[in-house]
């Protein structure tokens, strides 16, 4: 029974690590995209949206 609990805990930990890695990668890609877009010739076409 203990091995089953350890296996379950390890799989949950692996899933959490994978989600954290995906979030870091997504944030990095979004920041790079916005940085490149801000320096492009299309900067004047950007609209800032602020929702209330």
C-alpha atoms as a PDB file:
ATOM      1  CA  UNK A   1       0.000   0.000   0.000  1.00  0.00           C
ATOM      2  CA  UNK A   2       2.847   2.415   0.786  1.00  0.00           C
ATOM      3  CA  UNK A   3       4.357   1.913  -2.670  1.00  0.00           C
ATOM      4  CA  UNK A   4       1.014   2.785  -4.261  1.00  0.00           C
ATOM      5  CA  UNK A   5       0.854   6.028  -2.283  1.00  0.00           C
ATOM      6  CA  UNK A   6       4.459   6.894  -3.172  1.00  0.00           C
ATOM      7  CA  UNK A   7       3.811   6.199  -6.865  1.00  0.00           C
ATOM      8  CA  UNK A   8       0.680   8.349  -6.798  1.00  0.00           C
ATOM      9  CA  UNK A   9       2.507  11.192  -5.036  1.00  0.00           C
ATOM     10  CA  UNK A  10       5.393  11.020  -7.513  1.00  0.00           C
ATOM     11  CA  UNK A  11       3.027  11.199 -10.491  1.00  0.00           C
ATOM     12  CA  UNK A  12       1.207  14.182  -8.980  1.00  0.00           C
ATOM     13  CA  UNK A  13       4.520  15.935  -8.340  1.00  0.00           C
ATOM     14  CA  UNK A  14       5.635  15.260 -11.924  1.00  0.00           C
ATOM     15  CA  UNK A  15       2.376  16.735 -13.255  1.00  0.00           C
ATOM     16  CA  UNK A  16       2.798  19.848 -11.113  1.00  0.00           C
ATOM     17  CA  UNK A  17       6.372  20.285 -12.326  1.00  0.00           C
ATOM     18  CA  UNK A  18       5.219  19.921 -15.927  1.00  0.00           C
ATOM     19  CA  UNK A  19       2.512  22.547 -15.437  1.00  0.00           C
ATOM     20  CA  UNK A  20       4.999  24.929 -13.835  1.00  0.00           C
ATOM     21  CA  UNK A  21       7.427  24.466 -16.735  1.00  0.00           C
ATOM     22  CA  UNK A  22       4.642  25.113 -19.241  1.00  0.00           C
ATOM     23  CA  UNK A  23       3.641  28.310 -17.424  1.00  0.00           C
ATOM     24  CA  UNK A  24       7.222  29.606 -17.422  1.00  0.00           C
ATOM     25  CA  UNK A  25       7.610  28.833 -21.127  1.00  0.00           C
ATOM     26  CA  UNK A  26       4.273  30.455 -21.975  1.00  0.00           C
ATOM     27  CA  UNK A  27       5.179  33.619 -20.055  1.00  0.00           C
ATOM     28  CA  UNK A  28       8.567  33.799 -21.760  1.00  0.00           C
ATOM     29  CA  UNK A  29       7.069  33.363 -25.232  1.00  0.00           C
ATOM     30  CA  UNK A  30       4.406  35.985 -24.594  1.00  0.00           C
ATOM     31  CA  UNK A  31       6.973  38.489 -23.309  1.00  0.00           C
ATOM     32  CA  UNK A  32       9.227  37.892 -26.330  1.00  0.00           C
ATOM     33  CA  UNK A  33       6.270  38.268 -28.709  1.00  0.00           C
ATOM     34  CA  UNK A  34       5.204  41.551 -27.140  1.00  0.00           C
ATOM     35  CA  UNK A  35       8.784  42.839 -27.150  1.00  0.00           C
ATOM     36  CA  UNK A  36       9.231  42.032 -30.835  1.00  0.00           C
ATOM     37  CA  UNK A  37       5.831  43.470 -31.694  1.00  0.00           C
ATOM     38  CA  UNK A  38       6.608  46.704 -29.861  1.00  0.00           C
ATOM     39  CA  UNK A  39       9.735  47.148 -31.982  1.00  0.00           C
ATOM     40  CA  UNK A  40       8.064  46.294 -35.284  1.00  0.00           C
ATOM     41  CA  UNK A  41       6.595  48.612 -37.879  1.00  0.00           C
ATOM     42  CA  UNK A  42       3.105  47.639 -36.698  1.00  0.00           C
ATOM     43  CA  UNK A  43       3.449  49.311 -33.300  1.00  0.00           C
ATOM     44  CA  UNK A  44       1.108  52.133 -34.283  1.00  0.00           C
ATOM     45  CA  UNK A  45      -1.638  49.591 -35.011  1.00  0.00           C
ATOM     46  CA  UNK A  46      -1.666  48.215 -31.473  1.00  0.00           C
ATOM     47  CA  UNK A  47      -4.595  48.951 -29.203  1.00  0.00           C
ATOM     48  CA  UNK A  48      -4.469  48.732 -25.481  1.00  0.00           C
ATOM     49  CA  UNK A  49      -7.581  47.158 -23.994  1.00  0.00           C
ATOM     50  CA  UNK A  50      -8.539  47.735 -20.436  1.00  0.00           C
ATOM     51  CA  UNK A  51     -11.587  45.935 -19.178  1.00  0.00           C
ATOM     52  CA  UNK A  52     -13.523  47.313 -16.254  1.00  0.00           C
END
